[in-house]
Amino acid sequence: MSTVTNVSTGKPKVGGAIYRAPLGTTLPTDATTALGTAFKCLGYCGEDGLRNNNSPETTEIKAWGGDTVLTVQTSKPDTFSFKLIEVLDVEVLKAVYGSSNVTGTLAEGITVEANSDEPEEACWVIEMVMRNNALKRITIPDAKITEVGEISYTDEEAVGYDCTLQALPDASGQTHYEYIQRTA
């Protein structure tokens, strides 16, 4: 039977929704346990929220005459896209440009070095509040930013970094985990 209370939106958790920590950091295994101090909040995201593309890519095998007789999965990329808009936050800059390429503080001055270094892998956690106080946490054990969209500096929109994360398989072969729990 269908139940309308199982339909929900995904709003960011108050205080931040996207967190990043060094690769190998202990990950949460539920929706409610507090994150460790290694996880740094990346602040506000753009109004389009989070997008996850986890669709298999396939190849059709055809028989002589054109009938499709087999479909083979060739890959199954697991990507997450979002726009980080707290561009004055050192942790956001480290996520986009690499930890070793950002130094300083906003008060003392920040230096960002843009180069062709390989993006660093990290652990990511995304937290949401769904309908009727259901918490949802997406844990990505290993991912790196594989794309940053064009950065626009205008007086009509917030400056931001449109990021695409490529989730990589962990030791168990999982690219991400989802935990959902209703709270009181």
N, C-alpha and C. Protein backbone atom coordinates (compact mmCIF):
# COMPACT_ATOMS: atom_id res chain seq x y z
N MET A 1 0.84 -1.18 0.00
CA MET A 1 0.00 0.00 0.00
C MET A 1 0.89 1.24 0.00
N SER A 2 0.51 2.22 -0.73
CA SER A 2 1.25 3.49 -0.80
C SER A 2 0.96 4.33 0.43
N THR A 3 1.98 5.05 0.90
CA THR A 3 1.83 5.91 2.07
C THR A 3 2.49 7.24 1.78
N VAL A 4 1.74 8.32 1.82
CA VAL A 4 2.28 9.64 1.51
C VAL A 4 3.35 10.08 2.49
N THR A 5 3.33 9.55 3.71
CA THR A 5 4.35 9.95 4.68
C THR A 5 5.72 9.39 4.35
N ASN A 6 5.81 8.50 3.37
CA ASN A 6 7.11 7.99 2.91
C ASN A 6 7.70 8.87 1.80
N VAL A 7 6.98 9.90 1.40
CA VAL A 7 7.47 10.84 0.40
C VAL A 7 8.17 11.98 1.14
N SER A 8 9.33 12.41 0.65
CA SER A 8 10.09 13.40 1.40
C SER A 8 10.91 14.29 0.48
N THR A 9 11.33 15.39 1.03
CA THR A 9 12.35 16.23 0.42
C THR A 9 13.64 15.98 1.19
N GLY A 10 14.74 16.50 0.69
CA GLY A 10 16.02 16.38 1.39
C GLY A 10 16.58 17.76 1.68
N LYS A 11 16.39 18.22 2.88
CA LYS A 11 16.89 19.54 3.27
C LYS A 11 18.23 19.39 3.98
N PRO A 12 19.10 20.38 3.85
CA PRO A 12 20.38 20.28 4.55
C PRO A 12 20.18 20.32 6.05
N LYS A 13 21.01 19.59 6.75
CA LYS A 13 20.97 19.61 8.21
C LYS A 13 21.41 21.00 8.68
N VAL A 14 20.75 21.52 9.71
CA VAL A 14 21.10 22.83 10.25
C VAL A 14 22.56 22.79 10.71
N GLY A 15 23.32 23.80 10.32
CA GLY A 15 24.72 23.86 10.71
C GLY A 15 25.67 23.32 9.67
N GLY A 16 25.13 22.78 8.59
CA GLY A 16 25.98 22.28 7.51
C GLY A 16 25.55 20.90 7.05
N ALA A 17 25.77 20.61 5.80
CA ALA A 17 25.33 19.34 5.24
C ALA A 17 26.47 18.52 4.64
N ILE A 18 27.53 19.16 4.19
CA ILE A 18 28.61 18.44 3.53
C ILE A 18 29.88 18.58 4.36
N TYR A 19 30.48 17.42 4.67
CA TYR A 19 31.68 17.37 5.51
C TYR A 19 32.77 16.58 4.79
N ARG A 20 34.01 16.93 5.06
CA ARG A 20 35.16 16.27 4.44
C ARG A 20 36.21 15.99 5.51
N ALA A 21 36.86 14.82 5.38
CA ALA A 21 37.92 14.43 6.32
C ALA A 21 39.00 13.70 5.54
N PRO A 22 40.20 13.63 6.10
CA PRO A 22 41.28 12.91 5.43
C PRO A 22 40.91 11.44 5.17
N LEU A 23 41.40 10.92 4.08
CA LEU A 23 41.20 9.52 3.74
C LEU A 23 41.65 8.63 4.90
N GLY A 24 40.85 7.65 5.24
CA GLY A 24 41.19 6.75 6.34
C GLY A 24 40.56 7.13 7.66
N THR A 25 39.88 8.28 7.72
CA THR A 25 39.19 8.69 8.94
C THR A 25 38.09 7.69 9.26
N THR A 26 37.88 7.40 10.55
CA THR A 26 36.80 6.50 10.95
C THR A 26 35.46 7.11 10.54
N LEU A 27 34.67 6.29 9.87
CA LEU A 27 33.39 6.75 9.33
C LEU A 27 32.23 6.37 10.24
N PRO A 28 31.18 7.19 10.27
CA PRO A 28 29.99 6.82 11.02
C PRO A 28 29.28 5.67 10.31
N THR A 29 28.57 4.85 11.08
CA THR A 29 27.84 3.72 10.51
C THR A 29 26.36 3.79 10.85
N ASP A 30 25.88 5.00 11.11
CA ASP A 30 24.46 5.22 11.32
C ASP A 30 24.15 6.68 10.99
N ALA A 31 22.89 7.07 11.17
CA ALA A 31 22.47 8.42 10.80
C ALA A 31 22.61 9.44 11.92
N THR A 32 22.90 9.00 13.14
CA THR A 32 22.80 9.93 14.26
C THR A 32 24.08 10.16 15.07
N THR A 33 25.04 9.27 14.99
CA THR A 33 26.27 9.42 15.78
C THR A 33 27.00 10.70 15.35
N ALA A 34 27.47 11.46 16.32
CA ALA A 34 28.18 12.70 16.02
C ALA A 34 29.44 12.40 15.19
N LEU A 35 29.72 13.28 14.24
CA LEU A 35 30.93 13.12 13.43
C LEU A 35 32.16 13.45 14.26
N GLY A 36 33.26 12.78 13.96
CA GLY A 36 34.53 13.06 14.62
C GLY A 36 35.06 14.43 14.23
N THR A 37 36.01 14.93 15.00
CA THR A 37 36.55 16.27 14.76
C THR A 37 37.35 16.38 13.47
N ALA A 38 37.73 15.26 12.89
CA ALA A 38 38.47 15.31 11.62
C ALA A 38 37.58 15.79 10.47
N PHE A 39 36.26 15.64 10.62
CA PHE A 39 35.34 16.08 9.57
C PHE A 39 35.15 17.58 9.65
N LYS A 40 35.43 18.27 8.56
CA LYS A 40 35.29 19.72 8.48
C LYS A 40 34.06 20.07 7.65
N CYS A 41 33.23 20.92 8.22
CA CYS A 41 32.01 21.36 7.55
C CYS A 41 32.37 22.31 6.40
N LEU A 42 31.75 22.11 5.25
CA LEU A 42 32.01 22.97 4.10
C LEU A 42 30.92 24.02 3.90
N GLY A 43 30.09 24.21 4.90
CA GLY A 43 29.15 25.33 4.91
C GLY A 43 28.00 25.24 3.93
N TYR A 44 27.52 26.41 3.56
CA TYR A 44 26.36 26.49 2.67
C TYR A 44 26.68 25.95 1.28
N CYS A 45 25.64 25.31 0.70
CA CYS A 45 25.70 24.86 -0.69
C CYS A 45 24.66 25.64 -1.48
N GLY A 46 24.83 25.64 -2.77
CA GLY A 46 23.89 26.34 -3.65
C GLY A 46 22.49 25.75 -3.56
N GLU A 47 21.51 26.53 -4.01
CA GLU A 47 20.10 26.16 -3.87
C GLU A 47 19.69 24.90 -4.63
N ASP A 48 20.50 24.44 -5.57
CA ASP A 48 20.15 23.21 -6.29
C ASP A 48 20.43 21.96 -5.45
N GLY A 49 21.06 22.12 -4.30
CA GLY A 49 21.27 21.01 -3.38
C GLY A 49 22.28 20.00 -3.88
N LEU A 50 22.01 18.76 -3.61
CA LEU A 50 22.90 17.64 -3.91
C LEU A 50 22.27 16.80 -5.01
N ARG A 51 23.10 16.35 -5.94
CA ARG A 51 22.65 15.44 -6.99
C ARG A 51 23.56 14.22 -6.97
N ASN A 52 22.96 13.03 -7.03
CA ASN A 52 23.72 11.78 -7.05
C ASN A 52 23.38 11.03 -8.34
N ASN A 53 24.40 10.73 -9.13
CA ASN A 53 24.22 9.93 -10.34
C ASN A 53 24.87 8.58 -10.07
N ASN A 54 24.04 7.54 -9.99
CA ASN A 54 24.52 6.20 -9.67
C ASN A 54 23.90 5.21 -10.64
N SER A 55 23.90 5.57 -11.90
CA SER A 55 23.23 4.78 -12.92
C SER A 55 24.21 3.92 -13.69
N PRO A 56 23.86 2.64 -13.91
CA PRO A 56 24.77 1.78 -14.67
C PRO A 56 24.86 2.21 -16.13
N GLU A 57 26.03 1.98 -16.70
CA GLU A 57 26.22 2.18 -18.13
C GLU A 57 26.30 0.79 -18.75
N THR A 58 25.62 0.60 -19.87
CA THR A 58 25.52 -0.73 -20.46
C THR A 58 25.87 -0.71 -21.94
N THR A 59 26.16 -1.90 -22.44
CA THR A 59 26.37 -2.11 -23.87
C THR A 59 25.41 -3.21 -24.31
N GLU A 60 24.75 -2.98 -25.43
CA GLU A 60 23.84 -3.98 -25.97
C GLU A 60 24.59 -4.89 -26.93
N ILE A 61 24.36 -6.19 -26.79
CA ILE A 61 24.92 -7.17 -27.71
C ILE A 61 23.77 -7.55 -28.65
N LYS A 62 24.04 -7.39 -29.92
CA LYS A 62 22.99 -7.65 -30.91
C LYS A 62 23.31 -8.88 -31.74
N ALA A 63 22.24 -9.56 -32.10
CA ALA A 63 22.36 -10.71 -33.00
C ALA A 63 22.30 -10.22 -34.45
N TRP A 64 22.73 -11.07 -35.31
CA TRP A 64 22.60 -10.77 -36.73
C TRP A 64 21.13 -10.53 -37.02
N GLY A 65 20.83 -9.43 -37.61
CA GLY A 65 19.45 -9.06 -37.89
C GLY A 65 18.97 -7.92 -36.98
N GLY A 66 19.75 -7.62 -35.93
CA GLY A 66 19.45 -6.44 -35.14
C GLY A 66 18.79 -6.65 -33.80
N ASP A 67 18.36 -7.88 -33.46
CA ASP A 67 17.74 -8.10 -32.16
C ASP A 67 18.77 -7.95 -31.05
N THR A 68 18.37 -7.25 -29.96
CA THR A 68 19.22 -7.18 -28.78
C THR A 68 19.04 -8.48 -28.02
N VAL A 69 20.15 -9.21 -27.81
CA VAL A 69 20.08 -10.52 -27.16
C VAL A 69 20.74 -10.54 -25.78
N LEU A 70 21.47 -9.48 -25.45
CA LEU A 70 22.15 -9.42 -24.16
C LEU A 70 22.49 -7.97 -23.86
N THR A 71 22.36 -7.61 -22.61
CA THR A 71 22.79 -6.29 -22.15
C THR A 71 23.84 -6.51 -21.09
N VAL A 72 25.01 -5.89 -21.28
CA VAL A 72 26.14 -6.07 -20.37
C VAL A 72 26.45 -4.74 -19.68
N GLN A 73 26.55 -4.77 -18.35
CA GLN A 73 26.94 -3.57 -17.61
C GLN A 73 28.43 -3.35 -17.81
N THR A 74 28.80 -2.16 -18.30
CA THR A 74 30.21 -1.86 -18.55
C THR A 74 30.82 -1.03 -17.44
N SER A 75 30.01 -0.27 -16.72
CA SER A 75 30.49 0.49 -15.57
C SER A 75 29.29 1.00 -14.78
N LYS A 76 29.57 1.48 -13.58
CA LYS A 76 28.51 2.07 -12.76
C LYS A 76 29.11 3.20 -11.93
N PRO A 77 29.36 4.33 -12.58
CA PRO A 77 29.94 5.45 -11.82
C PRO A 77 28.96 5.95 -10.76
N ASP A 78 29.53 6.37 -9.65
CA ASP A 78 28.75 6.91 -8.53
C ASP A 78 29.29 8.30 -8.27
N THR A 79 28.58 9.32 -8.74
CA THR A 79 29.05 10.70 -8.59
C THR A 79 28.05 11.53 -7.80
N PHE A 80 28.59 12.53 -7.13
CA PHE A 80 27.79 13.48 -6.36
C PHE A 80 28.15 14.87 -6.84
N SER A 81 27.15 15.71 -7.07
CA SER A 81 27.39 17.08 -7.54
C SER A 81 26.72 18.07 -6.60
N PHE A 82 27.40 19.18 -6.36
CA PHE A 82 26.90 20.23 -5.49
C PHE A 82 27.72 21.48 -5.75
N LYS A 83 27.22 22.61 -5.28
CA LYS A 83 27.93 23.88 -5.42
C LYS A 83 28.27 24.41 -4.04
N LEU A 84 29.56 24.51 -3.74
CA LEU A 84 30.03 25.08 -2.48
C LEU A 84 30.07 26.60 -2.64
N ILE A 85 29.35 27.32 -1.76
CA ILE A 85 29.28 28.77 -1.93
C ILE A 85 29.95 29.56 -0.81
N GLU A 86 30.53 28.90 0.19
CA GLU A 86 31.29 29.62 1.22
C GLU A 86 32.73 29.73 0.75
N VAL A 87 32.95 30.56 -0.26
CA VAL A 87 34.24 30.66 -0.95
C VAL A 87 35.32 31.35 -0.13
N LEU A 88 34.97 31.91 1.02
CA LEU A 88 35.97 32.53 1.90
C LEU A 88 36.39 31.59 3.03
N ASP A 89 35.87 30.36 3.02
CA ASP A 89 36.19 29.36 4.04
C ASP A 89 37.41 28.56 3.59
N VAL A 90 38.44 28.53 4.42
CA VAL A 90 39.68 27.82 4.09
C VAL A 90 39.42 26.34 3.80
N GLU A 91 38.51 25.72 4.53
CA GLU A 91 38.22 24.29 4.31
C GLU A 91 37.59 24.06 2.93
N VAL A 92 36.76 24.96 2.49
CA VAL A 92 36.18 24.86 1.14
C VAL A 92 37.30 24.98 0.10
N LEU A 93 38.17 25.94 0.28
CA LEU A 93 39.28 26.13 -0.66
C LEU A 93 40.19 24.90 -0.69
N LYS A 94 40.45 24.29 0.47
CA LYS A 94 41.27 23.08 0.52
C LYS A 94 40.59 21.93 -0.20
N ALA A 95 39.27 21.82 -0.06
CA ALA A 95 38.55 20.76 -0.75
C ALA A 95 38.66 20.92 -2.27
N VAL A 96 38.58 22.16 -2.75
CA VAL A 96 38.58 22.42 -4.19
C VAL A 96 39.99 22.39 -4.78
N TYR A 97 40.95 23.02 -4.11
CA TYR A 97 42.30 23.17 -4.67
C TYR A 97 43.32 22.19 -4.12
N GLY A 98 42.97 21.47 -3.04
CA GLY A 98 43.91 20.55 -2.41
C GLY A 98 44.46 21.15 -1.13
N SER A 99 44.54 20.33 -0.09
CA SER A 99 44.97 20.81 1.23
C SER A 99 46.34 21.47 1.21
N SER A 100 47.26 20.93 0.44
CA SER A 100 48.62 21.48 0.42
C SER A 100 48.73 22.74 -0.44
N ASN A 101 47.67 23.10 -1.13
CA ASN A 101 47.70 24.27 -2.01
C ASN A 101 47.02 25.51 -1.41
N VAL A 102 46.59 25.41 -0.14
CA VAL A 102 45.91 26.53 0.52
C VAL A 102 46.56 26.76 1.87
N THR A 103 47.00 27.98 2.12
CA THR A 103 47.60 28.33 3.40
C THR A 103 47.02 29.63 3.92
N GLY A 104 47.13 29.81 5.22
CA GLY A 104 46.72 31.06 5.84
C GLY A 104 45.31 31.02 6.39
N THR A 105 44.90 32.20 6.86
CA THR A 105 43.55 32.40 7.37
C THR A 105 42.99 33.65 6.71
N LEU A 106 41.70 33.83 6.80
CA LEU A 106 41.08 35.01 6.21
C LEU A 106 41.59 36.28 6.89
N ALA A 107 41.79 36.24 8.21
CA ALA A 107 42.26 37.41 8.94
C ALA A 107 43.70 37.78 8.57
N GLU A 108 44.54 36.77 8.35
CA GLU A 108 45.95 37.03 8.04
C GLU A 108 46.23 37.06 6.54
N GLY A 109 45.32 36.51 5.77
CA GLY A 109 45.49 36.41 4.33
C GLY A 109 45.60 34.95 3.91
N ILE A 110 44.87 34.59 2.89
CA ILE A 110 44.86 33.23 2.36
C ILE A 110 45.61 33.23 1.04
N THR A 111 46.43 32.21 0.82
CA THR A 111 47.09 32.01 -0.46
C THR A 111 46.59 30.69 -1.04
N VAL A 112 46.12 30.74 -2.29
CA VAL A 112 45.66 29.55 -3.01
C VAL A 112 46.57 29.36 -4.20
N GLU A 113 47.14 28.18 -4.32
CA GLU A 113 47.97 27.84 -5.47
C GLU A 113 47.16 26.91 -6.38
N ALA A 114 46.86 27.37 -7.59
CA ALA A 114 46.13 26.57 -8.56
C ALA A 114 47.13 25.91 -9.49
N ASN A 115 47.07 24.57 -9.56
CA ASN A 115 48.04 23.84 -10.36
C ASN A 115 47.39 22.56 -10.89
N SER A 116 48.20 21.72 -11.50
CA SER A 116 47.67 20.49 -12.09
C SER A 116 47.91 19.27 -11.20
N ASP A 117 48.10 19.48 -9.91
CA ASP A 117 48.25 18.35 -8.99
C ASP A 117 47.01 17.46 -9.07
N GLU A 118 47.22 16.16 -8.91
CA GLU A 118 46.11 15.21 -8.87
C GLU A 118 45.22 15.54 -7.67
N PRO A 119 43.90 15.60 -7.86
CA PRO A 119 43.02 15.88 -6.72
C PRO A 119 43.19 14.82 -5.63
N GLU A 120 43.13 15.25 -4.38
CA GLU A 120 43.32 14.31 -3.28
C GLU A 120 42.04 13.58 -2.95
N GLU A 121 42.18 12.34 -2.56
CA GLU A 121 41.04 11.55 -2.12
C GLU A 121 40.76 11.88 -0.66
N ALA A 122 39.50 11.80 -0.29
CA ALA A 122 39.09 12.10 1.08
C ALA A 122 37.83 11.32 1.41
N CYS A 123 37.45 11.35 2.66
CA CYS A 123 36.17 10.81 3.12
C CYS A 123 35.16 11.96 3.10
N TRP A 124 33.94 11.67 2.72
CA TRP A 124 32.89 12.69 2.66
C TRP A 124 31.65 12.18 3.38
N VAL A 125 30.94 13.07 4.05
CA VAL A 125 29.67 12.76 4.68
C VAL A 125 28.69 13.87 4.32
N ILE A 126 27.49 13.47 3.93
CA ILE A 126 26.44 14.43 3.59
C ILE A 126 25.25 14.13 4.49
N GLU A 127 24.76 15.17 5.18
CA GLU A 127 23.67 14.99 6.13
C GLU A 127 22.45 15.80 5.73
N MET A 128 21.28 15.14 5.84
CA MET A 128 20.02 15.78 5.47
C MET A 128 18.96 15.50 6.51
N VAL A 129 17.96 16.36 6.53
CA VAL A 129 16.77 16.15 7.34
C VAL A 129 15.63 15.93 6.35
N MET A 130 14.95 14.83 6.53
CA MET A 130 13.84 14.50 5.65
C MET A 130 12.53 14.68 6.41
N ARG A 131 11.46 14.26 5.82
CA ARG A 131 10.13 14.47 6.39
C ARG A 131 9.99 13.85 7.78
N ASN A 132 9.28 14.54 8.65
CA ASN A 132 8.96 14.07 10.01
C ASN A 132 10.20 13.66 10.80
N ASN A 133 11.23 14.50 10.75
CA ASN A 133 12.45 14.29 11.54
C ASN A 133 13.22 13.01 11.21
N ALA A 134 13.16 12.57 10.00
CA ALA A 134 14.01 11.44 9.59
C ALA A 134 15.34 12.03 9.15
N LEU A 135 16.42 11.53 9.73
CA LEU A 135 17.76 11.97 9.35
C LEU A 135 18.31 11.01 8.30
N LYS A 136 18.97 11.57 7.30
CA LYS A 136 19.62 10.76 6.29
C LYS A 136 21.08 11.18 6.22
N ARG A 137 21.96 10.19 6.26
CA ARG A 137 23.40 10.44 6.17
C ARG A 137 23.95 9.58 5.05
N ILE A 138 24.64 10.22 4.12
CA ILE A 138 25.35 9.52 3.06
C ILE A 138 26.82 9.56 3.42
N THR A 139 27.44 8.39 3.52
CA THR A 139 28.85 8.29 3.86
C THR A 139 29.60 7.78 2.64
N ILE A 140 30.60 8.54 2.21
CA ILE A 140 31.41 8.18 1.05
C ILE A 140 32.83 7.94 1.57
N PRO A 141 33.24 6.67 1.66
CA PRO A 141 34.53 6.37 2.27
C PRO A 141 35.74 6.91 1.51
N ASP A 142 35.62 7.01 0.19
CA ASP A 142 36.76 7.41 -0.64
C ASP A 142 36.24 8.10 -1.89
N ALA A 143 36.53 9.38 -2.02
CA ALA A 143 36.09 10.11 -3.20
C ALA A 143 37.04 11.27 -3.46
N LYS A 144 37.04 11.72 -4.70
CA LYS A 144 37.82 12.93 -5.01
C LYS A 144 37.03 13.78 -5.99
N ILE A 145 37.31 15.06 -5.95
CA ILE A 145 36.67 15.98 -6.88
C ILE A 145 37.29 15.76 -8.24
N THR A 146 36.45 15.41 -9.21
CA THR A 146 36.93 15.15 -10.56
C THR A 146 36.56 16.26 -11.54
N GLU A 147 35.72 17.18 -11.08
CA GLU A 147 35.33 18.28 -11.96
C GLU A 147 34.94 19.49 -11.11
N VAL A 148 35.40 20.65 -11.52
CA VAL A 148 34.97 21.92 -10.93
C VAL A 148 34.48 22.77 -12.10
N GLY A 149 33.24 23.20 -12.03
CA GLY A 149 32.66 23.99 -13.11
C GLY A 149 33.27 25.38 -13.20
N GLU A 150 32.88 26.07 -14.23
CA GLU A 150 33.34 27.44 -14.44
C GLU A 150 32.95 28.30 -13.23
N ILE A 151 33.88 29.11 -12.78
CA ILE A 151 33.65 29.99 -11.63
C ILE A 151 33.25 31.36 -12.17
N SER A 152 32.07 31.83 -11.76
CA SER A 152 31.56 33.12 -12.23
C SER A 152 31.68 34.15 -11.11
N TYR A 153 32.22 35.30 -11.45
CA TYR A 153 32.30 36.42 -10.52
C TYR A 153 31.40 37.52 -11.06
N THR A 154 30.17 37.57 -10.55
CA THR A 154 29.21 38.58 -10.99
C THR A 154 28.54 39.18 -9.77
N ASP A 155 27.83 40.28 -9.98
CA ASP A 155 27.10 40.87 -8.86
C ASP A 155 25.66 40.38 -8.81
N GLU A 156 25.35 39.32 -9.57
CA GLU A 156 23.99 38.79 -9.61
C GLU A 156 23.85 37.42 -8.96
N GLU A 157 24.95 36.75 -8.63
CA GLU A 157 24.87 35.43 -8.01
C GLU A 157 26.08 35.21 -7.11
N ALA A 158 25.91 34.29 -6.18
CA ALA A 158 27.02 33.98 -5.26
C ALA A 158 28.13 33.28 -6.03
N VAL A 159 29.36 33.64 -5.72
CA VAL A 159 30.51 32.93 -6.27
C VAL A 159 30.49 31.55 -5.64
N GLY A 160 30.82 30.55 -6.42
CA GLY A 160 30.81 29.20 -5.88
C GLY A 160 31.59 28.23 -6.74
N TYR A 161 31.77 27.05 -6.19
CA TYR A 161 32.49 25.98 -6.88
C TYR A 161 31.53 24.83 -7.13
N ASP A 162 31.12 24.66 -8.41
CA ASP A 162 30.30 23.52 -8.80
C ASP A 162 31.21 22.31 -8.85
N CYS A 163 31.06 21.41 -7.90
CA CYS A 163 31.96 20.27 -7.76
C CYS A 163 31.26 18.97 -8.12
N THR A 164 32.01 18.08 -8.74
CA THR A 164 31.57 16.71 -8.95
C THR A 164 32.55 15.79 -8.24
N LEU A 165 32.03 14.97 -7.35
CA LEU A 165 32.82 13.98 -6.62
C LEU A 165 32.66 12.63 -7.30
N GLN A 166 33.74 11.93 -7.50
CA GLN A 166 33.70 10.55 -7.97
C GLN A 166 33.94 9.65 -6.77
N ALA A 167 32.94 8.87 -6.38
CA ALA A 167 33.08 7.93 -5.28
C ALA A 167 33.81 6.69 -5.78
N LEU A 168 34.78 6.24 -5.00
CA LEU A 168 35.59 5.08 -5.37
C LEU A 168 35.26 3.93 -4.42
N PRO A 169 35.37 2.67 -4.87
CA PRO A 169 35.02 1.55 -4.00
C PRO A 169 35.95 1.42 -2.80
N ASP A 170 35.35 1.09 -1.65
CA ASP A 170 36.15 0.82 -0.46
C ASP A 170 36.60 -0.64 -0.47
N ALA A 171 37.19 -1.11 0.61
CA ALA A 171 37.69 -2.49 0.69
C ALA A 171 36.58 -3.52 0.50
N SER A 172 35.33 -3.13 0.77
CA SER A 172 34.19 -4.04 0.59
C SER A 172 33.55 -3.89 -0.78
N GLY A 173 34.08 -2.98 -1.60
CA GLY A 173 33.52 -2.77 -2.94
C GLY A 173 32.38 -1.78 -2.99
N GLN A 174 32.09 -1.12 -1.86
CA GLN A 174 30.98 -0.16 -1.81
C GLN A 174 31.49 1.25 -2.12
N THR A 175 30.72 2.00 -2.91
CA THR A 175 31.11 3.37 -3.23
C THR A 175 30.49 4.38 -2.26
N HIS A 176 29.35 4.06 -1.69
CA HIS A 176 28.80 4.89 -0.63
C HIS A 176 27.79 4.08 0.18
N TYR A 177 27.48 4.61 1.36
CA TYR A 177 26.50 4.00 2.25
C TYR A 177 25.47 5.06 2.58
N GLU A 178 24.22 4.63 2.78
CA GLU A 178 23.14 5.53 3.18
C GLU A 178 22.52 5.02 4.46
N TYR A 179 22.35 5.92 5.44
CA TYR A 179 21.77 5.58 6.71
C TYR A 179 20.59 6.54 6.96
N ILE A 180 19.45 5.98 7.33
CA ILE A 180 18.25 6.78 7.55
C ILE A 180 17.63 6.36 8.88
N GLN A 181 17.28 7.36 9.71
CA GLN A 181 16.67 7.04 11.00
C GLN A 181 15.78 8.20 11.44
N ARG A 182 14.59 7.86 11.89
CA ARG A 182 13.69 8.88 12.43
C ARG A 182 14.11 9.19 13.87
N THR A 183 14.10 10.47 14.22
CA THR A 183 14.42 10.88 15.59
C THR A 183 13.17 11.35 16.28
N ALA A 184 13.24 11.46 17.59
CA ALA A 184 12.07 11.88 18.38
C ALA A 184 11.71 13.31 18.08
